[in-house]
Amino acid sequence: MSNSDKTDPADGADASGEPQPIDRHMSDGCAECAAARQFIDQVLKLSKQVPVPEELVQAAIRVFPAAPPPAKLSSAPELPVIEARMTYSSLNSPEPEDRMSGKVHLKYETGNHIVDMRAEREEDSADVILVGHIASRSTPEAPAPRVPVRVVAAARTVSRAVTDKNGQFSLVYTPREDLRLSIPIAAEGVTFEIPLNDIPRSRT
């Protein structure tokens, strides 16, 4: 918008010279609006007559910093959350070598999808490396690409990844209480969550 397109409240008309709605409103006898309009006119006239010192402008900027831009709203609606069902855990394996390997193999069913994942603690670190694969139960050979996978604590995202074209993902996180793996499946209209408490927090 150019300056010629703007309306100066002190002039009471736009660039075309036509009276503004506020003028027509005050001509009906609204004393409250008339007083407010008079005050605005005085402020505008004074602002044109008395320049504001630059140091005062900078001081105002320091005291009243510019507001951050509003957060962009996601176009994707929130999906209802359902906990996935565990179908296998190597921690319950009868084979001793499975329990002593320091790795955990877990399988979950999430509606019409299968989540197959393995967790291993990083050497000389408290972090856990989690790799997994998401596929359809009805057609296991059909992977689930571009699915966002997050490790969350309450409403905060701790770690995140996106499945590749083969439906595989990999992420690293530091174990703590109440961590969950969050997997939204748009095709089913739900977000499946997997508690990560089943993964040991220290080497055995």
N, C-alpha and C. Protein backbone atom coordinates (compact mmCIF):
# COMPACT_ATOMS: atom_id res chain seq x y z
N MET A 1 0.86 -1.18 0.00
CA MET A 1 0.00 0.00 0.00
C MET A 1 0.89 1.22 0.00
N SER A 2 0.64 2.20 -0.86
CA SER A 2 1.41 3.43 -0.91
C SER A 2 0.85 4.43 0.07
N ASN A 3 1.63 5.50 0.30
CA ASN A 3 1.17 6.52 1.23
C ASN A 3 -0.09 7.19 0.75
N SER A 4 -0.23 7.28 -0.60
CA SER A 4 -1.42 7.94 -1.14
C SER A 4 -2.67 7.13 -0.92
N ASP A 5 -2.49 5.80 -0.63
CA ASP A 5 -3.65 4.93 -0.42
C ASP A 5 -4.11 4.95 1.03
N LYS A 6 -3.30 5.50 1.94
CA LYS A 6 -3.63 5.45 3.35
C LYS A 6 -4.57 6.59 3.72
N THR A 7 -5.29 6.39 4.78
CA THR A 7 -6.20 7.39 5.31
C THR A 7 -5.61 8.01 6.55
N ASP A 8 -5.51 9.31 6.59
CA ASP A 8 -5.02 10.01 7.78
C ASP A 8 -6.23 10.37 8.63
N PRO A 9 -6.32 9.84 9.86
CA PRO A 9 -7.49 10.14 10.68
C PRO A 9 -7.68 11.62 10.89
N ALA A 10 -6.59 12.40 10.82
CA ALA A 10 -6.74 13.83 11.04
C ALA A 10 -7.41 14.52 9.87
N ASP A 11 -7.36 13.91 8.69
CA ASP A 11 -7.97 14.52 7.51
C ASP A 11 -9.44 14.18 7.39
N GLY A 12 -9.84 13.04 7.95
CA GLY A 12 -11.24 12.66 7.89
C GLY A 12 -11.70 12.20 6.53
N ALA A 13 -10.79 11.92 5.60
CA ALA A 13 -11.17 11.46 4.27
C ALA A 13 -10.04 10.64 3.69
N ASP A 14 -10.37 9.75 2.73
CA ASP A 14 -9.33 8.97 2.09
C ASP A 14 -8.80 9.74 0.90
N ALA A 15 -7.96 9.08 0.08
CA ALA A 15 -7.32 9.76 -1.03
C ALA A 15 -8.33 10.28 -2.04
N SER A 16 -9.52 9.69 -2.08
CA SER A 16 -10.53 10.13 -3.04
C SER A 16 -11.30 11.35 -2.54
N GLY A 17 -11.06 11.74 -1.28
CA GLY A 17 -11.77 12.88 -0.73
C GLY A 17 -13.12 12.54 -0.14
N GLU A 18 -13.48 11.25 -0.16
CA GLU A 18 -14.77 10.82 0.37
C GLU A 18 -14.72 10.75 1.89
N PRO A 19 -15.77 11.17 2.60
CA PRO A 19 -15.81 11.05 4.07
C PRO A 19 -15.71 9.59 4.48
N GLN A 20 -15.05 9.36 5.61
CA GLN A 20 -14.88 8.02 6.12
C GLN A 20 -16.07 7.62 7.00
N PRO A 21 -16.29 6.32 7.23
CA PRO A 21 -17.41 5.86 8.07
C PRO A 21 -17.39 6.49 9.46
N ILE A 22 -16.18 6.73 10.03
CA ILE A 22 -16.12 7.30 11.36
C ILE A 22 -16.69 8.71 11.38
N ASP A 23 -16.49 9.46 10.26
CA ASP A 23 -17.04 10.81 10.19
C ASP A 23 -18.56 10.76 10.16
N ARG A 24 -19.09 9.85 9.38
CA ARG A 24 -20.55 9.73 9.30
C ARG A 24 -21.12 9.29 10.65
N HIS A 25 -20.34 8.42 11.37
CA HIS A 25 -20.78 7.96 12.68
C HIS A 25 -20.82 9.12 13.67
N MET A 26 -19.76 9.94 13.68
CA MET A 26 -19.71 11.04 14.63
C MET A 26 -20.71 12.14 14.27
N SER A 27 -21.08 12.25 12.99
CA SER A 27 -22.08 13.25 12.62
C SER A 27 -23.45 12.91 13.21
N ASP A 28 -23.60 11.64 13.66
CA ASP A 28 -24.85 11.24 14.30
C ASP A 28 -24.87 11.64 15.77
N GLY A 29 -23.76 12.23 16.28
CA GLY A 29 -23.75 12.77 17.64
C GLY A 29 -23.10 11.91 18.69
N CYS A 30 -22.13 11.01 18.31
CA CYS A 30 -21.45 10.16 19.30
C CYS A 30 -20.34 10.99 19.96
N ALA A 31 -20.58 11.45 21.20
CA ALA A 31 -19.62 12.30 21.89
C ALA A 31 -18.35 11.52 22.26
N GLU A 32 -18.49 10.24 22.61
CA GLU A 32 -17.33 9.44 23.02
C GLU A 32 -16.35 9.27 21.87
N CYS A 33 -16.86 8.96 20.70
CA CYS A 33 -15.98 8.78 19.54
C CYS A 33 -15.40 10.13 19.11
N ALA A 34 -16.17 11.18 19.25
CA ALA A 34 -15.68 12.51 18.88
C ALA A 34 -14.49 12.90 19.75
N ALA A 35 -14.56 12.60 21.07
CA ALA A 35 -13.46 12.91 21.97
C ALA A 35 -12.22 12.09 21.63
N ALA A 36 -12.43 10.82 21.32
CA ALA A 36 -11.31 9.96 20.95
C ALA A 36 -10.67 10.44 19.66
N ARG A 37 -11.49 10.84 18.71
CA ARG A 37 -10.98 11.34 17.43
C ARG A 37 -10.18 12.62 17.63
N GLN A 38 -10.65 13.49 18.52
CA GLN A 38 -9.95 14.74 18.79
C GLN A 38 -8.57 14.46 19.40
N PHE A 39 -8.52 13.48 20.32
CA PHE A 39 -7.24 13.12 20.94
C PHE A 39 -6.26 12.58 19.90
N ILE A 40 -6.75 11.71 19.01
CA ILE A 40 -5.89 11.15 17.98
C ILE A 40 -5.37 12.25 17.06
N ASP A 41 -6.24 13.19 16.71
CA ASP A 41 -5.83 14.30 15.85
C ASP A 41 -4.70 15.09 16.48
N GLN A 42 -4.81 15.32 17.81
CA GLN A 42 -3.78 16.08 18.51
C GLN A 42 -2.45 15.34 18.52
N VAL A 43 -2.51 14.02 18.76
CA VAL A 43 -1.29 13.22 18.77
C VAL A 43 -0.62 13.25 17.41
N LEU A 44 -1.40 13.09 16.34
CA LEU A 44 -0.85 13.10 14.99
C LEU A 44 -0.20 14.44 14.66
N LYS A 45 -0.85 15.54 15.04
CA LYS A 45 -0.30 16.86 14.74
C LYS A 45 1.00 17.09 15.49
N LEU A 46 1.03 16.67 16.76
CA LEU A 46 2.26 16.84 17.54
C LEU A 46 3.39 15.97 17.00
N SER A 47 3.06 14.76 16.53
CA SER A 47 4.10 13.88 16.01
C SER A 47 4.74 14.44 14.75
N LYS A 48 3.98 15.26 14.01
CA LYS A 48 4.54 15.88 12.80
C LYS A 48 5.36 17.11 13.14
N GLN A 49 5.08 17.73 14.26
CA GLN A 49 5.76 18.97 14.63
C GLN A 49 7.03 18.73 15.43
N VAL A 50 7.02 17.70 16.29
CA VAL A 50 8.15 17.44 17.18
C VAL A 50 8.80 16.12 16.80
N PRO A 51 10.00 16.13 16.21
CA PRO A 51 10.66 14.88 15.86
C PRO A 51 11.08 14.11 17.10
N VAL A 52 11.01 12.80 17.03
CA VAL A 52 11.40 11.94 18.16
C VAL A 52 12.90 11.71 18.10
N PRO A 53 13.63 12.01 19.18
CA PRO A 53 15.10 11.80 19.18
C PRO A 53 15.43 10.34 18.91
N GLU A 54 16.51 10.11 18.15
CA GLU A 54 16.91 8.75 17.78
C GLU A 54 17.22 7.91 19.01
N GLU A 55 17.86 8.52 20.04
CA GLU A 55 18.19 7.74 21.23
C GLU A 55 16.94 7.25 21.95
N LEU A 56 15.85 8.05 21.86
CA LEU A 56 14.59 7.63 22.47
C LEU A 56 13.98 6.46 21.70
N VAL A 57 14.11 6.52 20.37
CA VAL A 57 13.62 5.42 19.54
C VAL A 57 14.36 4.13 19.89
N GLN A 58 15.71 4.19 19.98
CA GLN A 58 16.49 3.01 20.29
C GLN A 58 16.19 2.48 21.69
N ALA A 59 15.96 3.41 22.64
CA ALA A 59 15.61 2.97 24.00
C ALA A 59 14.28 2.24 24.00
N ALA A 60 13.33 2.74 23.21
CA ALA A 60 12.03 2.08 23.14
C ALA A 60 12.15 0.70 22.52
N ILE A 61 13.04 0.58 21.52
CA ILE A 61 13.24 -0.73 20.88
C ILE A 61 13.81 -1.73 21.87
N ARG A 62 14.73 -1.24 22.73
CA ARG A 62 15.33 -2.14 23.73
C ARG A 62 14.31 -2.57 24.78
N VAL A 63 13.45 -1.66 25.15
CA VAL A 63 12.46 -1.97 26.19
C VAL A 63 11.32 -2.80 25.62
N PHE A 64 10.91 -2.50 24.39
CA PHE A 64 9.80 -3.20 23.76
C PHE A 64 10.29 -3.88 22.50
N PRO A 65 10.95 -5.04 22.64
CA PRO A 65 11.46 -5.73 21.45
C PRO A 65 10.32 -6.18 20.56
N ALA A 66 10.66 -6.33 19.29
CA ALA A 66 9.65 -6.76 18.32
C ALA A 66 9.12 -8.14 18.69
N ALA A 67 7.83 -8.30 18.59
CA ALA A 67 7.21 -9.59 18.91
C ALA A 67 7.60 -10.61 17.86
N PRO A 68 7.86 -11.87 18.27
CA PRO A 68 8.20 -12.90 17.29
C PRO A 68 7.02 -13.19 16.40
N PRO A 69 7.26 -13.64 15.17
CA PRO A 69 6.15 -13.97 14.28
C PRO A 69 5.31 -15.08 14.87
N PRO A 70 4.00 -15.08 14.63
CA PRO A 70 3.15 -16.13 15.18
C PRO A 70 3.55 -17.49 14.64
N ALA A 71 3.44 -18.49 15.51
CA ALA A 71 3.81 -19.85 15.11
C ALA A 71 2.89 -20.33 13.99
N LYS A 72 3.50 -20.98 13.03
CA LYS A 72 2.74 -21.51 11.91
C LYS A 72 1.93 -22.72 12.36
N LEU A 73 0.66 -22.66 12.13
CA LEU A 73 -0.20 -23.76 12.54
C LEU A 73 -0.06 -24.92 11.57
N SER A 74 0.00 -26.11 12.12
CA SER A 74 0.09 -27.30 11.28
C SER A 74 -1.24 -27.55 10.60
N SER A 75 -1.16 -27.90 9.33
CA SER A 75 -2.38 -28.19 8.59
C SER A 75 -2.91 -29.59 8.90
N ALA A 76 -2.04 -30.44 9.52
CA ALA A 76 -2.45 -31.79 9.84
C ALA A 76 -3.17 -31.82 11.18
N PRO A 77 -4.36 -32.39 11.24
CA PRO A 77 -5.07 -32.43 12.52
C PRO A 77 -4.42 -33.42 13.47
N GLU A 78 -4.62 -33.19 14.78
CA GLU A 78 -4.10 -34.12 15.77
C GLU A 78 -4.87 -35.43 15.69
N LEU A 79 -4.12 -36.53 15.74
CA LEU A 79 -4.74 -37.84 15.64
C LEU A 79 -4.90 -38.44 17.03
N PRO A 80 -5.96 -39.21 17.26
CA PRO A 80 -6.11 -39.88 18.55
C PRO A 80 -4.97 -40.86 18.79
N VAL A 81 -4.60 -41.02 20.06
CA VAL A 81 -3.43 -41.83 20.42
C VAL A 81 -3.88 -43.19 20.95
N ILE A 82 -3.25 -44.24 20.43
CA ILE A 82 -3.52 -45.62 20.86
C ILE A 82 -2.19 -46.29 21.15
N GLU A 83 -2.11 -47.02 22.24
CA GLU A 83 -0.86 -47.72 22.56
C GLU A 83 -0.74 -49.00 21.74
N ALA A 84 0.42 -49.19 21.13
CA ALA A 84 0.67 -50.38 20.31
C ALA A 84 0.77 -51.62 21.20
N ARG A 85 0.52 -52.78 20.60
CA ARG A 85 0.53 -54.04 21.35
C ARG A 85 1.83 -54.79 21.09
N MET A 86 2.56 -55.14 22.16
CA MET A 86 3.80 -55.88 21.99
C MET A 86 3.51 -57.33 21.62
N THR A 87 4.21 -57.83 20.62
CA THR A 87 4.04 -59.22 20.22
C THR A 87 5.30 -60.05 20.43
N TYR A 88 6.44 -59.37 20.65
CA TYR A 88 7.69 -60.11 20.89
C TYR A 88 8.67 -59.21 21.61
N SER A 89 9.42 -59.81 22.56
CA SER A 89 10.52 -59.12 23.24
C SER A 89 11.64 -60.12 23.48
N SER A 90 12.85 -59.78 23.04
CA SER A 90 13.98 -60.68 23.26
C SER A 90 14.33 -60.79 24.74
N LEU A 91 13.85 -59.84 25.55
CA LEU A 91 14.09 -59.93 26.99
C LEU A 91 13.38 -61.12 27.60
N ASN A 92 12.34 -61.60 26.92
CA ASN A 92 11.60 -62.77 27.40
C ASN A 92 12.02 -64.04 26.69
N SER A 93 13.10 -63.95 25.90
CA SER A 93 13.55 -65.11 25.13
C SER A 93 14.13 -66.17 26.05
N PRO A 94 13.85 -67.45 25.76
CA PRO A 94 14.42 -68.54 26.58
C PRO A 94 15.91 -68.74 26.31
N GLU A 95 16.42 -68.14 25.21
CA GLU A 95 17.83 -68.33 24.87
C GLU A 95 18.69 -67.35 25.68
N PRO A 96 19.64 -67.85 26.49
CA PRO A 96 20.48 -66.96 27.32
C PRO A 96 21.24 -65.93 26.52
N GLU A 97 21.73 -66.32 25.31
CA GLU A 97 22.54 -65.39 24.54
C GLU A 97 21.71 -64.19 24.07
N ASP A 98 20.41 -64.39 23.90
CA ASP A 98 19.54 -63.28 23.51
C ASP A 98 19.42 -62.27 24.64
N ARG A 99 19.33 -62.77 25.88
CA ARG A 99 19.16 -61.88 27.02
C ARG A 99 20.46 -61.21 27.42
N MET A 100 21.62 -61.83 27.10
CA MET A 100 22.91 -61.32 27.53
C MET A 100 23.62 -60.50 26.45
N SER A 101 23.03 -60.34 25.29
CA SER A 101 23.73 -59.71 24.17
C SER A 101 23.87 -58.20 24.33
N GLY A 102 23.11 -57.58 25.23
CA GLY A 102 23.14 -56.13 25.36
C GLY A 102 22.27 -55.43 24.35
N LYS A 103 21.58 -56.20 23.50
CA LYS A 103 20.68 -55.64 22.52
C LYS A 103 19.26 -56.09 22.83
N VAL A 104 18.31 -55.30 22.41
CA VAL A 104 16.90 -55.63 22.65
C VAL A 104 16.18 -55.64 21.31
N HIS A 105 15.45 -56.70 21.07
CA HIS A 105 14.65 -56.83 19.86
C HIS A 105 13.18 -56.84 20.26
N LEU A 106 12.42 -55.89 19.72
CA LEU A 106 11.01 -55.76 20.08
C LEU A 106 10.16 -55.71 18.82
N LYS A 107 8.96 -56.29 18.93
CA LYS A 107 8.00 -56.21 17.84
C LYS A 107 6.65 -55.76 18.40
N TYR A 108 5.99 -54.89 17.64
CA TYR A 108 4.69 -54.37 18.05
C TYR A 108 3.74 -54.41 16.87
N GLU A 109 2.46 -54.57 17.20
CA GLU A 109 1.41 -54.44 16.19
C GLU A 109 0.68 -53.14 16.45
N THR A 110 0.49 -52.38 15.38
CA THR A 110 -0.19 -51.09 15.48
C THR A 110 -1.30 -51.06 14.44
N GLY A 111 -2.46 -51.61 14.81
CA GLY A 111 -3.54 -51.67 13.84
C GLY A 111 -3.16 -52.58 12.68
N ASN A 112 -3.07 -52.01 11.49
CA ASN A 112 -2.71 -52.79 10.31
C ASN A 112 -1.22 -52.68 10.01
N HIS A 113 -0.42 -52.25 11.00
CA HIS A 113 1.00 -52.09 10.76
C HIS A 113 1.82 -52.84 11.80
N ILE A 114 3.03 -53.19 11.41
CA ILE A 114 3.98 -53.87 12.28
C ILE A 114 5.19 -52.95 12.47
N VAL A 115 5.62 -52.82 13.72
CA VAL A 115 6.85 -52.08 14.02
C VAL A 115 7.85 -53.08 14.59
N ASP A 116 8.93 -53.29 13.85
CA ASP A 116 9.99 -54.22 14.24
C ASP A 116 11.22 -53.36 14.55
N MET A 117 11.68 -53.38 15.80
CA MET A 117 12.80 -52.49 16.14
C MET A 117 13.80 -53.15 17.06
N ARG A 118 15.02 -52.65 16.99
CA ARG A 118 16.12 -53.14 17.80
C ARG A 118 16.80 -51.96 18.47
N ALA A 119 17.15 -52.15 19.73
CA ALA A 119 17.80 -51.09 20.50
C ALA A 119 19.12 -51.61 21.05
N GLU A 120 20.10 -50.72 21.03
CA GLU A 120 21.44 -51.07 21.55
C GLU A 120 22.05 -49.82 22.17
N ARG A 121 22.68 -50.01 23.31
CA ARG A 121 23.33 -48.89 23.97
C ARG A 121 24.65 -48.59 23.27
N GLU A 122 24.92 -47.29 23.09
CA GLU A 122 26.18 -46.89 22.49
C GLU A 122 27.34 -47.22 23.42
N GLU A 123 28.47 -47.58 22.82
CA GLU A 123 29.65 -47.90 23.60
C GLU A 123 30.12 -46.67 24.36
N ASP A 124 30.38 -46.85 25.67
CA ASP A 124 30.87 -45.76 26.53
C ASP A 124 29.93 -44.56 26.53
N SER A 125 28.65 -44.82 26.45
CA SER A 125 27.68 -43.72 26.45
C SER A 125 26.38 -44.20 27.07
N ALA A 126 25.61 -43.26 27.59
CA ALA A 126 24.30 -43.60 28.14
C ALA A 126 23.22 -43.63 27.07
N ASP A 127 23.56 -43.18 25.86
CA ASP A 127 22.56 -43.08 24.79
C ASP A 127 22.20 -44.45 24.23
N VAL A 128 21.00 -44.49 23.67
CA VAL A 128 20.48 -45.70 23.04
C VAL A 128 20.31 -45.45 21.55
N ILE A 129 20.77 -46.39 20.73
CA ILE A 129 20.53 -46.34 19.29
C ILE A 129 19.32 -47.21 19.01
N LEU A 130 18.32 -46.64 18.40
CA LEU A 130 17.09 -47.36 18.09
C LEU A 130 16.88 -47.37 16.59
N VAL A 131 16.83 -48.56 16.00
CA VAL A 131 16.55 -48.70 14.58
C VAL A 131 15.29 -49.54 14.43
N GLY A 132 14.50 -49.24 13.43
CA GLY A 132 13.25 -49.96 13.27
C GLY A 132 12.76 -49.98 11.85
N HIS A 133 11.70 -50.74 11.66
CA HIS A 133 11.09 -50.91 10.34
C HIS A 133 9.59 -50.94 10.51
N ILE A 134 8.88 -50.16 9.71
CA ILE A 134 7.42 -50.12 9.76
C ILE A 134 6.87 -50.64 8.43
N ALA A 135 5.96 -51.60 8.53
CA ALA A 135 5.38 -52.19 7.32
C ALA A 135 3.93 -52.56 7.59
N SER A 136 3.20 -52.86 6.54
CA SER A 136 1.81 -53.25 6.65
C SER A 136 1.72 -54.71 7.08
N ARG A 137 0.76 -55.02 7.95
CA ARG A 137 0.57 -56.41 8.38
C ARG A 137 0.03 -57.25 7.24
N SER A 138 -0.88 -56.69 6.46
CA SER A 138 -1.49 -57.47 5.38
C SER A 138 -0.52 -57.70 4.24
N THR A 139 0.36 -56.74 3.99
CA THR A 139 1.37 -56.89 2.94
C THR A 139 2.72 -56.46 3.51
N PRO A 140 3.39 -57.37 4.27
CA PRO A 140 4.65 -57.01 4.93
C PRO A 140 5.73 -56.51 3.98
N GLU A 141 5.62 -56.91 2.71
CA GLU A 141 6.63 -56.45 1.75
C GLU A 141 6.42 -54.99 1.36
N ALA A 142 5.28 -54.40 1.75
CA ALA A 142 4.99 -53.01 1.44
C ALA A 142 5.42 -52.13 2.61
N PRO A 143 6.52 -51.38 2.48
CA PRO A 143 6.99 -50.55 3.61
C PRO A 143 6.13 -49.29 3.77
N ALA A 144 6.37 -48.59 4.85
CA ALA A 144 5.66 -47.34 5.13
C ALA A 144 6.65 -46.19 5.09
N PRO A 145 6.83 -45.55 3.93
CA PRO A 145 7.81 -44.47 3.81
C PRO A 145 7.26 -43.14 4.32
N ARG A 146 8.20 -42.22 4.63
CA ARG A 146 7.88 -40.84 5.02
C ARG A 146 6.94 -40.75 6.23
N VAL A 147 7.12 -41.67 7.16
CA VAL A 147 6.34 -41.63 8.40
C VAL A 147 7.20 -40.96 9.48
N PRO A 148 6.72 -39.88 10.10
CA PRO A 148 7.50 -39.26 11.17
C PRO A 148 7.50 -40.13 12.42
N VAL A 149 8.67 -40.30 13.00
CA VAL A 149 8.83 -41.10 14.22
C VAL A 149 9.51 -40.21 15.26
N ARG A 150 8.90 -40.11 16.44
CA ARG A 150 9.46 -39.23 17.48
C ARG A 150 9.57 -39.97 18.81
N VAL A 151 10.63 -39.66 19.54
CA VAL A 151 10.72 -40.04 20.95
C VAL A 151 10.23 -38.82 21.73
N VAL A 152 9.20 -39.00 22.55
CA VAL A 152 8.59 -37.86 23.24
C VAL A 152 8.58 -38.10 24.74
N ALA A 153 8.69 -37.00 25.48
CA ALA A 153 8.53 -36.99 26.93
C ALA A 153 7.50 -35.93 27.23
N ALA A 154 6.33 -36.36 27.70
CA ALA A 154 5.19 -35.44 27.86
C ALA A 154 4.88 -34.86 26.48
N ALA A 155 4.91 -33.53 26.34
CA ALA A 155 4.62 -32.92 25.04
C ALA A 155 5.89 -32.51 24.31
N ARG A 156 7.07 -32.86 24.86
CA ARG A 156 8.33 -32.42 24.27
C ARG A 156 8.96 -33.52 23.43
N THR A 157 9.46 -33.16 22.25
CA THR A 157 10.14 -34.10 21.38
C THR A 157 11.60 -34.20 21.78
N VAL A 158 12.06 -35.42 22.07
CA VAL A 158 13.43 -35.65 22.50
C VAL A 158 14.32 -36.00 21.31
N SER A 159 13.78 -36.78 20.39
CA SER A 159 14.53 -37.18 19.19
C SER A 159 13.50 -37.48 18.10
N ARG A 160 13.92 -37.32 16.85
CA ARG A 160 12.98 -37.55 15.77
C ARG A 160 13.68 -38.10 14.53
N ALA A 161 12.89 -38.77 13.69
CA ALA A 161 13.38 -39.29 12.42
C ALA A 161 12.18 -39.46 11.50
N VAL A 162 12.45 -39.77 10.24
CA VAL A 162 11.40 -40.04 9.26
C VAL A 162 11.79 -41.32 8.53
N THR A 163 10.84 -42.22 8.35
CA THR A 163 11.16 -43.47 7.67
C THR A 163 11.57 -43.21 6.22
N ASP A 164 12.52 -44.00 5.75
CA ASP A 164 12.98 -43.85 4.37
C ASP A 164 12.06 -44.63 3.43
N LYS A 165 12.45 -44.76 2.18
CA LYS A 165 11.59 -45.42 1.19
C LYS A 165 11.34 -46.88 1.52
N ASN A 166 12.18 -47.46 2.37
CA ASN A 166 12.01 -48.86 2.78
C ASN A 166 11.28 -49.00 4.10
N GLY A 167 10.79 -47.88 4.63
CA GLY A 167 10.06 -47.92 5.89
C GLY A 167 10.96 -48.03 7.11
N GLN A 168 12.26 -47.75 6.97
CA GLN A 168 13.20 -47.89 8.06
C GLN A 168 13.51 -46.54 8.69
N PHE A 169 13.82 -46.56 9.97
CA PHE A 169 14.18 -45.34 10.68
C PHE A 169 15.30 -45.65 11.67
N SER A 170 16.01 -44.62 12.07
CA SER A 170 17.09 -44.74 13.04
C SER A 170 17.17 -43.45 13.82
N LEU A 171 17.29 -43.55 15.14
CA LEU A 171 17.43 -42.36 15.98
C LEU A 171 18.20 -42.71 17.25
N VAL A 172 18.66 -41.67 17.93
CA VAL A 172 19.44 -41.82 19.16
C VAL A 172 18.77 -40.98 20.24
N TYR A 173 18.69 -41.53 21.44
CA TYR A 173 18.11 -40.78 22.54
C TYR A 173 18.77 -41.21 23.85
N THR A 174 18.63 -40.36 24.86
CA THR A 174 19.12 -40.68 26.20
C THR A 174 17.94 -41.20 27.02
N PRO A 175 18.01 -42.43 27.50
CA PRO A 175 16.87 -43.01 28.22
C PRO A 175 16.55 -42.27 29.51
N ARG A 176 15.27 -42.20 29.81
CA ARG A 176 14.76 -41.60 31.05
C ARG A 176 13.36 -42.13 31.26
N GLU A 177 12.74 -41.77 32.36
CA GLU A 177 11.40 -42.26 32.66
C GLU A 177 10.38 -41.68 31.67
N ASP A 178 9.36 -42.46 31.39
CA ASP A 178 8.17 -42.00 30.66
C ASP A 178 8.45 -41.58 29.22
N LEU A 179 9.48 -42.13 28.60
CA LEU A 179 9.69 -41.87 27.17
C LEU A 179 8.77 -42.77 26.34
N ARG A 180 8.29 -42.24 25.23
CA ARG A 180 7.42 -43.00 24.35
C ARG A 180 7.85 -42.77 22.91
N LEU A 181 7.65 -43.78 22.09
CA LEU A 181 7.85 -43.65 20.65
C LEU A 181 6.50 -43.33 20.03
N SER A 182 6.42 -42.22 19.32
CA SER A 182 5.16 -41.75 18.74
C SER A 182 5.21 -41.90 17.23
N ILE A 183 4.22 -42.64 16.68
CA ILE A 183 4.20 -42.93 15.25
C ILE A 183 2.80 -42.64 14.70
N PRO A 184 2.59 -41.51 14.04
CA PRO A 184 1.28 -41.23 13.45
C PRO A 184 1.11 -41.99 12.13
N ILE A 185 0.02 -42.73 12.03
CA ILE A 185 -0.29 -43.46 10.80
C ILE A 185 -1.52 -42.81 10.19
N ALA A 186 -1.32 -41.94 9.22
CA ALA A 186 -2.42 -41.17 8.64
C ALA A 186 -3.46 -42.09 8.00
N ALA A 187 -3.01 -43.20 7.40
CA ALA A 187 -3.94 -44.10 6.72
C ALA A 187 -4.94 -44.71 7.69
N GLU A 188 -4.55 -44.85 8.96
CA GLU A 188 -5.45 -45.43 9.96
C GLU A 188 -6.10 -44.36 10.83
N GLY A 189 -5.66 -43.11 10.67
CA GLY A 189 -6.26 -42.02 11.41
C GLY A 189 -5.94 -42.02 12.89
N VAL A 190 -4.80 -42.62 13.27
CA VAL A 190 -4.42 -42.66 14.69
C VAL A 190 -2.91 -42.48 14.81
N THR A 191 -2.47 -42.13 16.02
CA THR A 191 -1.05 -42.11 16.37
C THR A 191 -0.80 -43.25 17.34
N PHE A 192 0.11 -44.13 16.98
CA PHE A 192 0.44 -45.25 17.86
C PHE A 192 1.63 -44.87 18.72
N GLU A 193 1.56 -45.23 19.99
CA GLU A 193 2.66 -44.96 20.91
C GLU A 193 3.20 -46.25 21.49
N ILE A 194 4.51 -46.28 21.65
CA ILE A 194 5.20 -47.44 22.21
C ILE A 194 6.01 -46.98 23.42
N PRO A 195 5.73 -47.49 24.61
CA PRO A 195 6.54 -47.11 25.77
C PRO A 195 7.95 -47.65 25.63
N LEU A 196 8.94 -46.83 25.95
CA LEU A 196 10.33 -47.24 25.81
C LEU A 196 10.91 -47.72 27.14
N ASN A 197 10.07 -47.91 28.14
CA ASN A 197 10.55 -48.43 29.42
C ASN A 197 11.00 -49.88 29.32
N ASP A 198 10.58 -50.56 28.23
CA ASP A 198 10.96 -51.96 28.06
C ASP A 198 12.43 -52.08 27.66
N ILE A 199 13.05 -50.98 27.25
CA ILE A 199 14.45 -51.02 26.85
C ILE A 199 15.30 -50.71 28.08
N PRO A 200 16.22 -51.60 28.47
CA PRO A 200 17.02 -51.38 29.68
C PRO A 200 17.77 -50.06 29.62
N ARG A 201 17.88 -49.39 30.79
CA ARG A 201 18.54 -48.10 30.85
C ARG A 201 20.03 -48.23 31.13
N SER A 202 20.50 -49.44 31.34
CA SER A 202 21.94 -49.66 31.54
C SER A 202 22.29 -51.06 31.05
N ARG A 203 23.55 -51.25 30.75
CA ARG A 203 23.98 -52.55 30.28
C ARG A 203 23.89 -53.59 31.40
N THR A 204 23.57 -54.80 31.02
CA THR A 204 23.48 -55.88 32.01
C THR A 204 24.76 -56.71 32.00
